[in-house]
Structures are given as structure tokens and as C-alpha cells.
Amino acid sequence: MAIYSASFRPPIARSAGRSATAAAAYRAGCVVVDTRTGEVHDYTKKRGVMHAEIILPGGGHAPDRAEFWNSVEHHHRRKDAQVARELVLAIPCELPPYAQIQLAREMGVTLAQEYGIAVDVCVHEPSKDGDDRNTHAHMLMTACHVTETGKLGRKCDLIDPIHCNRNRCETAADWLRPIWERLANQALAEAGSDARIDHRSHAARGLTEVPGSHHGPAVTDMLRNGRDSEVADRIAAEAAAILSRQVLDAQAAAELLEAQAAQALADLEAELEIERVQALREAAEAAEREAQARAAAEAAERLQAAQEAAQAQARAAEQAAAVQAAAERAVEAQRRADEREAQARSAAERLQAVKDAEQALAAREAAQRAVDAAERQRQALWPAYDQAVSGQREAGRSLVATARAVPKIGVWRRAIEAYGAAFEALERAQKVLQRAGEKLAAALAKLEMLDPAVRERREAREAQAREAYQDQQRRIAKASADAAAQAAAGRQRGGQVAAHQHQEEPQDDDQERAPDVPRM
């Protein structure tokens, strides 16, 4: 009989560091560039790939393997996503190569049509140093639904064993076994071979021989190189234990048969010796047989009940383990979601703090520009102001100078008032600059709470600002002191000019008053 082997491998999951692009490149023996990560998976040196194609629902094909599996990788956005699942099938060695490829394609079409997914069918010939009967097929299946045109959809729950166990529905492995048996046996019959495969276990088929065990590529490579393998030793020990149990069972059966033969001989001798009590013995034997029948029936019922209880307990344990695993995954998912939410809130708060600090900095810079503009205005008005004060001082020295200065009094007064207004504007701009600096300090303090690395930049900017502010204050104080001294002298001379003018010529109500010195 041909060998039956059909098994689902662990899913292609990002949490395990795997990708569908790498898996597809290896199984097809080609090169695939992962556009999501930038990795280049080049397996063009791999030998033994007999056939490779991607089958879509409806019997269509995906012409570009790299493009298709890259689209699958981009379709799944979770960092722990399961992007694909893999089924490995042992193809009967009794089939010729073309029939082996055709059988694998039929299985791929059946899977794609049944579950509405895409199946990458890759048929591998036996390895060079391995069993020459080990022709096998890798069925790399998408974890999501795929349309007949290759468009990706929602997750395919029916190939997820956790979903099937939770909803108590048939898993893909349960559905697959009889389907693969039927397709393979049909191909063997068409090829004229008497070999057949059977998906049932040895126990279900009533076989006593030890079932074969699959070592896997790593263990097989170790054994070929003459190295020891714990896995191979464990498999051999398990086979020896099964054989030992079978020998013990055979010995027990032989002892039971011997005991039964001895008992039968004793019964026969007893029948010959006590023929006179035949009727009584027959009655006793009938009663004993009836009791044995009842005991056997009761024992069978108890055995059946115990088996059913054991099966129910095993199913309950599996369901409890599945529920526990699902609960742990849910807790882990919630923890990761909470971490992402906290990170998002922290990032949002820091972004807002940065925006506030930038706005406060812009306001302080605008205020600084306003102070600089007011200072330039004051400096621009200083020559006129100085000339007005000097003119008033000269006008008070004599009546002639006073008379000559009368037409200029209005001009002097306006120059002094303009300088005073410029000086007041400078003071207001300095107050605005001070308030902007306070707002900037508050915004930087809040940003510093969220990001301590901001402190060094803030302290550097504050040191520069303090140095500039102190230098400006020193210049303003010096200018104010000079202006105050000159203003005092101007007020004294201005009073003398006004007195002389009042004595010589009366003034109308609408005549211009003497210039006032701005309050410093």
C-alpha cells in the first residue's frame, strides 16, 4: 500500500519572524523581493522543484508570484499577522511524474474552490541523498479569501483550527483527509496501480504494526551525517515501547489460553467422574453462564461508559486549553493596545506642547522685533529731540535769541513729543516682550515635563535671551539717563523762553504751547 501523509505545518506568522514572500520563494525555487521590508529572498539555486503555480478560485492563475505574495504581505497590517498556511502532502511514488503533478494541481484546485483562497502549488522531487519515494507537494495557502480575479478579502476562518474548535465545526484537516485519499486513489487507479492509501489510523484499521514516523529535514540531515539525534532516539524508543507492549499482550493472551485449556481439561475430567450428578452440574453451569453473561455485559457497559467519560474529559481539557490560550492572547492583545494608546496620547501631548512652544517662541520673536523697531524709531528721533532741547537751551540765554526761537517753538515741541511717544512705545514693546517670554517659559516647562531633553535647548535659548535683554536694558538706561539730564536742562530753558515771550508779545488761545519733555 502507498504511504499516506498529509499534515498542516505551523502558520506563516510575522510573530515567528516569517513572511509569505520568503516561503513562496523557497518553495518555488525563485527570487522574490519583499517590497514591505526590502529583503531579497533568492532561492534560484534550489534544485528539485518539479512544478510551481498559483491557483485562484475558479481555476484561474496568478501570473506573477512576487507581485501576488507582496500584495498579501501588504494586505495584512498587523505586526503579528498570520499571512499564510501550509499543507504538505506525500504524493504516491507509484505515479509517474506527470500524474504526480496533475494530482497536486487537482488538490490545489479543490482547496481553492472549497475555501475561496489562493493556493501556491509546488511539487518537489525527492532529495539527492534521501528516500527516492519522497515526492511531495507544498500547498502554500493565503490566510484570507481571494476572488477569481486575485483580489484579496477578509480572513478565511474555516482554515483556522482555533476558530473551528471554538465554533465546533469541521477543521480543514478533518475535511482534507478523505478528500486527499479519494483523489490519490483515483489517480492510482487511472495509472493502473494496485496501491492505495488510507487516511485512517492503524488502530482504526485493526493493524498491530508500528506506524511510520516522520523525522523532518533537520533530523534526517543529522542521521545522514552520522550524528546523534534526540528526536530520532525518542521515536525509536516509542516504537520499541509499542513493540514491547504488543509482546506483553501476546504473552498474556497465551497464558490466558493455557489457563482456559487447563480449566477445560479439568471440567472434562470432572464430568467423567461425576456422571451421576450431571443434571445438577448442568443446572449449575447454566446458572454460571448466565451470571458470566450478565457480568460480561455489565463489564462491557462499564468499559464503554469509562471510554466515553475519558473522551469527554479529553475534549473538555482541549476546549479548556483552547479557551485559556484565547484568553491569554486576548489579555496580551489588550496590553499591547493599551501600550499603543498610551504612546499615542504621549505623542499627542508632546506634539501639542511643541506647537505651543513654537507659537510662544514666534510671539516672543515678534515682540523682540517690535522692541528693536521701537528702539530704531527712538534712535531715529533722537537727533531732532537733541536739536530741540539744544535750541531751547540757546533760546533762553537772551531776549534776541528768544525772539528768534519763537517760530521754532512748535517744531521743537513736536520733536520732543515724538521722541516721548517713541520712548513710551519702546516701553510697551518691552512689556509685551516680557509677557511673551513668560508664555514661552510656561510652554517650555510643560514640554520639559514630557521630554526632558528639551531642557538643554531651553536653557541655551534663555541664556541668549537674558544676555540680549540685559544688554538692551543697559543701553536704554544709559539713553534714558542722558535724555533725563537733557530734558531737565530743556525744561529750565523752555521756562525762560516762555517768560520773555509773555513779556514782549501776548499769545492767543490757539497759539502753540512750549514743548514738553517726555517723561522718562
Protein backbone atom coordinates (compact mmCIF):
# COMPACT_ATOMS: atom_id res chain seq x y z
CA MET A 1 0.00 0.00 0.00
CA ALA A 2 1.20 3.53 -0.80
CA ILE A 3 2.22 5.84 2.06
CA TYR A 4 -0.39 8.32 3.35
CA SER A 5 0.92 11.62 4.71
CA ALA A 6 -0.99 14.92 4.82
CA SER A 7 -0.18 17.46 7.51
CA PHE A 8 -0.64 21.15 8.18
CA ARG A 9 2.55 22.96 9.14
CA PRO A 10 2.69 25.90 11.61
CA PRO A 11 1.22 29.05 10.03
CA ILE A 12 3.43 31.64 8.32
CA ALA A 13 3.29 34.25 11.10
CA ARG A 14 5.20 37.52 11.49
CA SER A 15 5.45 36.91 15.23
CA ALA A 16 7.76 33.98 14.37
CA GLY A 17 9.87 36.17 12.05
CA ARG A 18 8.48 34.54 8.89
CA SER A 19 6.98 36.03 5.72
CA ALA A 20 4.90 34.74 2.83
CA THR A 21 7.38 36.17 0.33
CA ALA A 22 10.26 34.13 1.76
CA ALA A 23 8.13 30.97 1.98
CA ALA A 24 6.94 31.32 -1.62
CA ALA A 25 10.45 31.99 -2.94
CA TYR A 26 11.86 28.90 -1.18
CA ARG A 27 9.11 26.53 -2.26
CA ALA A 28 9.14 27.72 -5.89
CA GLY A 29 12.96 27.98 -6.08
CA CYS A 30 12.87 31.56 -7.36
CA VAL A 31 13.78 35.09 -6.26
CA VAL A 32 11.20 37.36 -4.59
CA VAL A 33 11.92 40.91 -3.41
CA ASP A 34 9.83 41.80 -0.36
CA THR A 35 8.64 45.36 -1.05
CA ARG A 36 7.44 45.73 2.54
CA THR A 37 10.80 45.03 4.21
CA GLY A 38 13.20 45.41 1.29
CA GLU A 39 14.60 41.89 1.78
CA VAL A 40 15.64 39.82 -1.25
CA HIS A 41 14.75 36.13 -0.98
CA ASP A 42 16.83 34.36 -3.65
CA TYR A 43 16.43 30.57 -3.86
CA THR A 44 17.24 30.19 -7.53
CA LYS A 45 20.00 27.71 -6.61
CA LYS A 46 17.46 25.33 -5.05
CA ARG A 47 17.05 22.13 -7.04
CA GLY A 48 14.26 19.60 -7.25
CA VAL A 49 11.25 21.87 -7.98
CA MET A 50 9.17 19.85 -10.47
CA HIS A 51 6.26 22.27 -10.78
CA ALA A 52 5.08 25.60 -9.31
CA GLU A 53 1.94 27.64 -9.96
CA ILE A 54 -0.56 29.80 -8.05
CA ILE A 55 -4.18 28.60 -8.41
CA LEU A 56 -7.08 31.01 -7.78
CA PRO A 57 -10.73 30.14 -7.09
CA GLY A 58 -12.47 29.20 -10.30
CA GLY A 59 -9.33 27.61 -11.75
CA GLY A 60 -7.54 30.85 -12.64
CA HIS A 61 -3.84 31.58 -12.10
CA ALA A 62 -1.74 34.42 -10.67
CA PRO A 63 0.97 35.05 -13.27
CA ASP A 64 3.45 36.94 -11.06
CA ARG A 65 4.41 35.14 -7.84
CA ALA A 66 6.41 38.06 -6.37
CA GLU A 67 3.64 40.58 -7.06
CA PHE A 68 0.93 38.32 -5.64
CA TRP A 69 2.66 37.43 -2.35
CA ASN A 70 3.82 41.04 -1.87
CA SER A 71 0.18 42.10 -2.17
CA VAL A 72 -0.68 39.51 0.51
CA GLU A 73 2.04 40.90 2.81
CA HIS A 74 0.76 44.48 2.36
CA HIS A 75 -2.86 43.32 2.84
CA HIS A 76 -2.11 42.10 6.37
CA ARG A 77 -1.15 45.12 8.51
CA ARG A 78 -0.86 43.61 12.00
CA LYS A 79 2.70 43.07 13.18
CA ASP A 80 1.70 39.59 14.47
CA ALA A 81 -0.46 38.67 11.46
CA GLN A 82 -0.68 35.10 10.15
CA VAL A 83 -0.33 35.74 6.42
CA ALA A 84 -0.44 32.17 5.07
CA ARG A 85 -0.87 28.50 5.97
CA GLU A 86 0.93 25.48 4.55
CA LEU A 87 -0.15 21.92 3.79
CA VAL A 88 2.43 19.25 2.90
CA LEU A 89 1.27 16.13 1.00
CA ALA A 90 3.20 12.94 0.25
CA ILE A 91 2.47 12.07 -3.40
CA PRO A 92 2.36 8.31 -4.14
CA CYS A 93 5.66 7.21 -5.67
CA GLU A 94 3.75 4.66 -7.80
CA LEU A 95 2.55 7.53 -10.06
CA PRO A 96 4.64 8.82 -12.99
CA PRO A 97 5.89 12.44 -12.69
CA TYR A 98 3.18 13.96 -14.91
CA ALA A 99 0.46 12.18 -12.88
CA GLN A 100 2.05 13.37 -9.62
CA ILE A 101 1.92 16.99 -10.82
CA GLN A 102 -1.65 16.58 -12.06
CA LEU A 103 -2.69 15.11 -8.68
CA ALA A 104 -1.13 18.05 -6.81
CA ARG A 105 -2.89 20.53 -9.13
CA GLU A 106 -6.25 18.81 -8.57
CA MET A 107 -5.77 19.10 -4.81
CA GLY A 108 -4.84 22.78 -5.18
CA VAL A 109 -7.94 23.47 -7.29
CA THR A 110 -10.11 21.63 -4.73
CA LEU A 111 -8.70 23.68 -1.84
CA ALA A 112 -9.06 26.99 -3.71
CA GLN A 113 -12.66 26.21 -4.70
CA GLU A 114 -13.70 24.86 -1.28
CA TYR A 115 -12.36 27.74 0.84
CA GLY A 116 -12.19 30.62 -1.68
CA ILE A 117 -8.45 31.11 -1.25
CA ALA A 118 -5.34 31.15 -3.44
CA VAL A 119 -3.08 28.08 -3.35
CA ASP A 120 0.59 28.15 -4.42
CA VAL A 121 1.22 24.54 -5.53
CA CYS A 122 4.90 23.50 -5.59
CA VAL A 123 5.86 19.88 -6.28
CA HIS A 124 9.32 18.78 -5.04
CA GLU A 125 11.13 15.65 -6.12
CA PRO A 126 13.00 13.51 -3.53
CA SER A 127 16.26 14.93 -2.21
CA LYS A 128 19.51 13.62 -3.60
CA ASP A 129 20.54 11.62 -0.50
CA GLY A 130 17.04 10.88 0.82
CA ASP A 131 14.28 8.38 0.21
CA ASP A 132 13.62 8.25 -3.53
CA ARG A 133 9.92 7.72 -2.80
CA ASN A 134 9.60 11.10 -1.04
CA THR A 135 7.95 13.09 -3.82
CA HIS A 136 5.84 15.69 -2.03
CA ALA A 137 3.83 18.85 -2.63
CA HIS A 138 3.79 22.12 -0.68
CA MET A 139 0.41 23.88 -0.68
CA LEU A 140 1.04 27.49 0.45
CA MET A 141 -2.43 28.95 1.06
CA THR A 142 -3.46 32.56 1.72
CA ALA A 143 -4.94 33.20 5.15
CA CYS A 144 -7.58 35.48 3.57
CA HIS A 145 -10.22 34.99 0.90
CA VAL A 146 -9.26 35.68 -2.74
CA THR A 147 -11.61 36.39 -5.63
CA GLU A 148 -11.34 34.78 -9.06
CA THR A 149 -9.50 37.91 -10.26
CA GLY A 150 -6.95 37.77 -7.44
CA LYS A 151 -8.44 40.50 -5.22
CA LEU A 152 -7.77 39.91 -1.50
CA GLY A 153 -10.60 39.93 1.04
CA ARG A 154 -11.40 39.08 4.67
CA LYS A 155 -9.75 36.39 6.76
CA CYS A 156 -10.72 32.78 5.89
CA ASP A 157 -11.87 31.44 9.27
CA LEU A 158 -12.54 27.89 8.06
CA ILE A 159 -8.82 27.10 7.70
CA ASP A 160 -8.11 28.47 11.20
CA PRO A 161 -8.21 25.48 13.61
CA ILE A 162 -8.76 27.75 16.63
CA HIS A 163 -11.87 29.25 15.02
CA CYS A 164 -13.17 25.78 14.06
CA ASN A 165 -12.63 24.35 17.56
CA ARG A 166 -14.27 27.37 19.16
CA ASN A 167 -17.32 27.09 16.92
CA ARG A 168 -17.31 23.27 16.92
CA CYS A 169 -17.16 22.98 13.17
CA GLU A 170 -15.14 20.72 10.90
CA THR A 171 -11.49 21.74 10.60
CA ALA A 172 -9.60 21.86 7.32
CA ALA A 173 -7.51 18.86 8.44
CA ASP A 174 -10.65 16.75 9.09
CA TRP A 175 -12.12 17.75 5.72
CA LEU A 176 -8.85 17.17 3.89
CA ARG A 177 -8.04 13.56 4.84
CA PRO A 178 -10.84 11.71 2.99
CA ILE A 179 -10.61 14.16 0.04
CA TRP A 180 -6.88 13.50 -0.41
CA GLU A 181 -7.46 9.74 -0.06
CA ARG A 182 -10.13 9.82 -2.77
CA LEU A 183 -8.08 11.94 -5.22
CA ALA A 184 -4.88 9.94 -4.71
CA ASN A 185 -6.59 6.55 -5.04
CA GLN A 186 -8.40 7.74 -8.15
CA ALA A 187 -5.06 8.80 -9.68
CA LEU A 188 -3.51 5.44 -8.74
CA ALA A 189 -6.40 3.56 -10.34
CA GLU A 190 -6.12 5.62 -13.54
CA ALA A 191 -2.37 4.89 -13.63
CA GLY A 192 -3.11 1.14 -13.41
CA SER A 193 -1.53 0.72 -9.95
CA ASP A 194 -2.97 -1.62 -7.29
CA ALA A 195 -1.53 0.52 -4.48
CA ARG A 196 -3.94 2.54 -2.36
CA ILE A 197 -3.70 4.96 0.56
CA ASP A 198 -5.94 5.01 3.67
CA HIS A 199 -6.32 8.09 5.86
CA ARG A 200 -7.43 6.08 8.89
CA SER A 201 -5.07 5.29 11.78
CA HIS A 202 -3.59 1.84 12.38
CA ALA A 203 -5.86 1.39 15.38
CA ALA A 204 -8.96 2.23 13.35
CA ARG A 205 -7.89 -0.26 10.67
CA GLY A 206 -7.09 -3.01 13.20
CA LEU A 207 -3.37 -3.10 12.36
CA THR A 208 -0.83 -4.14 15.00
CA GLU A 209 2.31 -2.99 13.20
CA VAL A 210 4.11 0.13 14.39
CA PRO A 211 3.12 3.18 12.32
CA GLY A 212 5.84 5.09 10.49
CA SER A 213 7.22 8.34 11.92
CA HIS A 214 8.28 11.47 10.05
CA HIS A 215 11.69 12.70 11.16
CA GLY A 216 11.70 16.00 9.33
CA PRO A 217 14.54 17.59 7.30
CA ALA A 218 16.74 18.61 10.28
CA VAL A 219 16.73 15.18 11.96
CA THR A 220 17.17 13.38 8.61
CA ASP A 221 20.22 15.53 7.81
CA MET A 222 21.77 14.74 11.23
CA LEU A 223 21.27 10.99 10.74
CA ARG A 224 22.77 11.14 7.23
CA ASN A 225 25.88 12.82 8.63
CA GLY A 226 26.27 10.14 11.30
CA ARG A 227 25.29 12.40 14.21
CA ASP A 228 23.01 11.50 17.11
CA SER A 229 19.52 12.97 17.31
CA GLU A 230 17.38 13.10 20.44
CA VAL A 231 14.25 13.21 18.26
CA ALA A 232 15.26 10.05 16.38
CA ASP A 233 16.15 8.33 19.67
CA ARG A 234 12.81 9.31 21.15
CA ILE A 235 10.91 7.99 18.09
CA ALA A 236 12.86 4.73 18.25
CA ALA A 237 12.15 4.41 21.98
CA GLU A 238 8.44 4.97 21.39
CA ALA A 239 8.42 2.27 18.66
CA ALA A 240 10.27 -0.12 21.00
CA ALA A 241 7.77 0.60 23.76
CA ILE A 242 4.87 -0.19 21.39
CA LEU A 243 6.53 -3.46 20.35
CA SER A 244 7.17 -4.33 23.99
CA ARG A 245 3.52 -3.74 24.86
CA GLN A 246 2.45 -5.93 21.94
CA VAL A 247 4.76 -8.74 23.13
CA LEU A 248 3.40 -8.49 26.66
CA ASP A 249 -0.16 -8.55 25.34
CA ALA A 250 0.66 -11.69 23.29
CA GLN A 251 2.19 -13.39 26.36
CA ALA A 252 -0.85 -12.54 28.44
CA ALA A 253 -3.12 -13.94 25.73
CA ALA A 254 -1.09 -17.15 25.59
CA GLU A 255 -1.23 -17.55 29.36
CA LEU A 256 -4.95 -16.96 29.26
CA LEU A 257 -5.36 -19.63 26.58
CA GLU A 258 -3.29 -22.06 28.61
CA ALA A 259 -5.36 -21.39 31.70
CA GLN A 260 -8.55 -21.87 29.73
CA ALA A 261 -7.27 -25.15 28.28
CA ALA A 262 -6.35 -26.41 31.74
CA GLN A 263 -9.75 -25.42 33.02
CA ALA A 264 -11.47 -27.21 30.14
CA LEU A 265 -9.46 -30.36 30.84
CA ALA A 266 -10.35 -30.24 34.48
CA ASP A 267 -14.01 -29.77 33.60
CA LEU A 268 -13.91 -32.77 31.28
CA GLU A 269 -12.34 -34.98 33.95
CA ALA A 270 -14.92 -33.80 36.44
CA GLU A 271 -17.74 -34.65 34.02
CA LEU A 272 -16.37 -38.23 33.57
CA GLU A 273 -16.01 -38.75 37.30
CA ILE A 274 -19.33 -37.36 38.46
CA GLU A 275 -21.81 -38.51 35.78
CA ARG A 276 -24.32 -39.20 38.49
CA VAL A 277 -24.67 -35.53 39.28
CA GLN A 278 -24.89 -34.49 35.62
CA ALA A 279 -28.24 -32.85 35.94
CA LEU A 280 -27.14 -30.78 38.92
CA ARG A 281 -23.89 -29.77 37.25
CA GLU A 282 -25.67 -28.77 34.05
CA ALA A 283 -28.02 -26.60 36.04
CA ALA A 284 -25.08 -25.05 37.89
CA GLU A 285 -23.21 -24.43 34.63
CA ALA A 286 -26.27 -22.82 33.10
CA ALA A 287 -26.57 -20.54 36.08
CA GLU A 288 -22.85 -19.76 35.90
CA ARG A 289 -23.05 -18.97 32.19
CA GLU A 290 -25.95 -16.67 32.76
CA ALA A 291 -24.04 -14.91 35.55
CA GLN A 292 -20.96 -14.64 33.35
CA ALA A 293 -23.05 -13.22 30.54
CA ARG A 294 -24.53 -10.67 32.87
CA ALA A 295 -21.08 -9.84 34.27
CA ALA A 296 -19.63 -9.54 30.77
CA ALA A 297 -22.49 -7.29 29.71
CA GLU A 298 -22.05 -5.15 32.80
CA ALA A 299 -18.27 -5.03 32.25
CA ALA A 300 -18.79 -4.02 28.62
CA GLU A 301 -21.21 -1.30 29.68
CA ARG A 302 -18.77 -0.05 32.33
CA LEU A 303 -15.93 -0.10 29.82
CA GLN A 304 -17.99 1.81 27.27
CA ALA A 305 -19.04 4.34 29.91
CA ALA A 306 -15.41 4.75 31.02
CA GLN A 307 -14.28 5.27 27.44
CA GLU A 308 -16.99 7.84 26.81
CA ALA A 309 -16.10 9.62 30.05
CA ALA A 310 -12.40 9.62 29.11
CA GLN A 311 -13.20 11.02 25.67
CA ALA A 312 -15.45 13.67 27.15
CA GLN A 313 -12.75 14.60 29.64
CA ALA A 314 -10.15 14.83 26.88
CA ARG A 315 -12.42 17.05 24.78
CA ALA A 316 -13.12 19.23 27.82
CA ALA A 317 -9.39 19.53 28.52
CA GLU A 318 -8.71 20.51 24.90
CA GLN A 319 -11.51 23.07 24.96
CA ALA A 320 -10.26 24.44 28.30
CA ALA A 321 -6.74 24.73 26.89
CA ALA A 322 -8.09 26.48 23.79
CA VAL A 323 -10.14 28.88 25.95
CA GLN A 324 -7.12 29.56 28.17
CA ALA A 325 -4.92 30.21 25.14
CA ALA A 326 -7.55 32.52 23.65
CA ALA A 327 -7.87 34.38 26.98
CA GLU A 328 -4.10 34.81 27.20
CA ARG A 329 -3.97 36.12 23.64
CA ALA A 330 -6.83 38.50 24.40
CA VAL A 331 -5.03 39.79 27.52
CA GLU A 332 -1.83 40.21 25.54
CA ALA A 333 -3.68 41.99 22.73
CA GLN A 334 -5.33 44.33 25.27
CA ARG A 335 -1.97 45.05 26.87
CA ARG A 336 -0.43 45.91 23.52
CA ALA A 337 -3.46 48.06 22.67
CA ASP A 338 -3.12 49.91 26.00
CA GLU A 339 0.58 50.47 25.35
CA ARG A 340 -0.12 51.82 21.87
CA GLU A 341 -2.87 54.06 23.23
CA ALA A 342 -0.57 55.42 25.97
CA GLN A 343 2.17 56.04 23.40
CA ALA A 344 -0.32 57.80 21.13
CA ARG A 345 -1.54 60.02 23.99
CA SER A 346 2.04 60.86 24.99
CA ALA A 347 2.94 61.66 21.39
CA ALA A 348 -0.17 63.85 21.01
CA GLU A 349 0.58 65.73 24.24
CA ARG A 350 4.19 66.22 23.22
CA LEU A 351 3.14 67.42 19.74
CA GLN A 352 0.71 69.92 21.28
CA ALA A 353 3.39 71.07 23.71
CA VAL A 354 5.82 71.54 20.82
CA LYS A 355 3.19 73.54 18.89
CA ASP A 356 2.51 75.75 21.96
CA ALA A 357 6.24 76.28 22.47
CA GLU A 358 6.71 77.17 18.79
CA GLN A 359 3.81 79.64 18.94
CA ALA A 360 5.17 81.18 22.15
CA LEU A 361 8.64 81.40 20.60
CA ALA A 362 7.19 83.04 17.48
CA ALA A 363 5.30 85.54 19.69
CA ARG A 364 8.47 86.33 21.67
CA GLU A 365 10.45 86.80 18.46
CA ALA A 366 7.71 89.09 17.12
CA ALA A 367 7.82 91.06 20.38
CA GLN A 368 11.61 91.25 20.12
CA ARG A 369 11.27 92.60 16.60
CA ALA A 370 8.77 95.16 17.87
CA VAL A 371 11.26 96.24 20.61
CA ASP A 372 14.02 96.51 18.02
CA ALA A 373 11.75 98.58 15.75
CA ALA A 374 10.79 100.91 18.65
CA GLU A 375 14.46 101.30 19.58
CA ARG A 376 15.33 102.16 15.98
CA GLN A 377 12.44 104.71 15.94
CA ARG A 378 13.70 106.28 19.19
CA GLN A 379 17.23 106.47 17.82
CA ALA A 380 15.93 107.97 14.58
CA LEU A 381 14.07 110.71 16.57
CA TRP A 382 16.98 111.38 18.88
CA PRO A 383 18.79 113.94 16.59
CA ALA A 384 15.58 116.04 16.30
CA TYR A 385 14.95 115.75 20.02
CA ASP A 386 18.54 116.71 20.85
CA GLN A 387 18.34 119.66 18.45
CA ALA A 388 15.06 120.84 20.05
CA VAL A 389 16.49 120.65 23.55
CA SER A 390 19.65 122.46 22.46
CA GLY A 391 17.53 125.10 20.70
CA GLN A 392 15.51 125.71 23.85
CA ARG A 393 18.70 125.99 25.86
CA GLU A 394 20.13 128.59 23.43
CA ALA A 395 16.82 130.50 23.26
CA GLY A 396 16.84 131.21 26.98
CA ARG A 397 20.17 132.96 27.02
CA SER A 398 18.93 136.38 25.68
CA LEU A 399 15.80 138.20 24.55
CA VAL A 400 17.11 138.29 21.00
CA ALA A 401 17.66 134.55 20.97
CA THR A 402 14.22 134.08 22.50
CA ALA A 403 12.59 136.20 19.82
CA ARG A 404 14.37 134.31 17.11
CA ALA A 405 13.31 130.99 18.64
CA VAL A 406 9.58 131.81 18.71
CA PRO A 407 8.86 130.40 15.20
CA LYS A 408 10.68 127.17 16.12
CA ILE A 409 8.93 126.53 19.39
CA GLY A 410 6.17 124.46 17.74
CA VAL A 411 8.69 122.36 15.79
CA TRP A 412 10.72 121.76 18.97
CA ARG A 413 7.61 120.80 20.89
CA ARG A 414 6.55 118.29 18.24
CA ALA A 415 10.08 116.79 18.12
CA ILE A 416 10.10 116.39 21.91
CA GLU A 417 6.58 114.87 21.90
CA ALA A 418 7.51 112.49 19.07
CA TYR A 419 10.57 111.36 20.97
CA GLY A 420 8.46 110.87 24.12
CA ALA A 421 5.89 108.81 22.16
CA ALA A 422 8.69 106.68 20.68
CA PHE A 423 10.10 106.10 24.14
CA GLU A 424 6.67 105.07 25.50
CA ALA A 425 6.20 102.74 22.51
CA LEU A 426 9.58 101.19 23.37
CA GLU A 427 8.45 100.61 26.97
CA ARG A 428 5.19 99.00 25.81
CA ALA A 429 7.09 96.77 23.39
CA GLN A 430 9.38 95.73 26.23
CA LYS A 431 6.37 94.77 28.38
CA VAL A 432 4.93 92.73 25.50
CA LEU A 433 8.35 91.07 25.13
CA GLN A 434 8.35 90.25 28.84
CA ARG A 435 4.87 88.66 28.69
CA ALA A 436 5.84 86.67 25.58
CA GLY A 437 8.91 85.42 27.43
CA GLU A 438 6.75 84.29 30.35
CA LYS A 439 4.41 82.40 28.00
CA LEU A 440 7.39 80.78 26.28
CA ALA A 441 8.80 79.72 29.66
CA ALA A 442 5.47 78.11 30.62
CA ALA A 443 5.22 76.27 27.29
CA LEU A 444 8.81 75.06 27.57
CA ALA A 445 8.21 73.91 31.16
CA LYS A 446 5.26 71.80 30.02
CA LEU A 447 7.30 70.39 27.11
CA GLU A 448 10.14 69.70 29.51
CA MET A 449 7.83 67.56 31.65
CA LEU A 450 7.03 65.45 28.58
CA ASP A 451 10.54 65.44 27.08
CA PRO A 452 13.46 66.20 29.47
CA ALA A 453 15.80 66.52 26.51
CA VAL A 454 14.21 69.91 25.76
CA ARG A 455 15.73 71.40 28.91
CA GLU A 456 19.19 71.90 27.43
CA ARG A 457 17.84 73.70 24.36
CA ARG A 458 15.52 75.84 26.55
CA GLU A 459 18.33 76.84 28.92
CA ALA A 460 20.57 77.79 26.00
CA ARG A 461 17.85 79.97 24.43
CA GLU A 462 17.01 81.59 27.77
CA ALA A 463 20.69 82.40 28.39
CA GLN A 464 20.93 84.10 24.99
CA ALA A 465 17.66 85.96 25.59
CA ARG A 466 18.77 87.17 29.04
CA GLU A 467 22.08 88.38 27.69
CA ALA A 468 20.37 90.27 24.85
CA TYR A 469 17.73 91.70 27.19
CA GLN A 470 20.29 92.86 29.75
CA ASP A 471 22.39 94.48 27.05
CA GLN A 472 19.33 96.29 25.71
CA GLN A 473 18.32 97.42 29.19
CA ARG A 474 21.79 98.82 29.76
CA ARG A 475 21.60 100.76 26.52
CA ILE A 476 18.09 102.01 27.31
CA ALA A 477 19.09 103.01 30.85
CA LYS A 478 22.07 104.94 29.56
CA ALA A 479 19.95 106.64 26.88
CA SER A 480 17.25 107.41 29.46
CA ALA A 481 19.75 108.95 31.85
CA ASP A 482 21.18 111.15 29.10
CA ALA A 483 17.71 112.11 27.93
CA ALA A 484 16.61 112.93 31.50
CA ALA A 485 19.58 115.21 32.05
CA GLN A 486 19.00 116.97 28.77
CA ALA A 487 15.25 117.17 29.40
CA ALA A 488 15.85 118.84 32.76
CA ALA A 489 18.07 121.44 31.12
CA GLY A 490 15.49 121.88 28.36
CA ARG A 491 12.66 122.49 30.82
CA GLN A 492 14.70 125.21 32.56
CA ARG A 493 15.50 126.97 29.29
CA GLY A 494 11.96 126.49 27.98
CA GLY A 495 10.53 128.29 31.01
CA GLN A 496 12.78 131.28 30.41
CA VAL A 497 11.78 131.47 26.75
CA ALA A 498 8.10 131.39 27.65
CA ALA A 499 8.56 134.22 30.22
CA HIS A 500 10.32 136.51 27.75
CA GLN A 501 7.69 135.81 25.09
CA HIS A 502 4.88 136.67 27.52
CA GLN A 503 6.50 139.96 28.37
CA GLU A 504 7.14 141.00 24.77
CA GLU A 505 4.09 139.68 22.87
CA PRO A 506 0.71 138.39 24.11
CA GLN A 507 -0.29 134.92 22.90
CA ASP A 508 -3.67 133.83 21.56
CA ASP A 509 -5.51 130.83 22.97
CA ASP A 510 -4.80 128.74 19.91
CA GLN A 511 -1.03 129.54 19.93
CA GLU A 512 1.25 126.51 20.37
CA ARG A 513 2.40 125.76 23.92
CA ALA A 514 6.06 125.29 24.91
CA PRO A 515 7.34 121.80 24.18
CA ASP A 516 7.05 119.26 26.98
CA VAL A 517 9.91 116.95 27.79
CA PRO A 518 8.80 113.35 27.61
CA ARG A 519 8.56 111.54 30.93
CA MET A 520 11.49 109.14 31.11
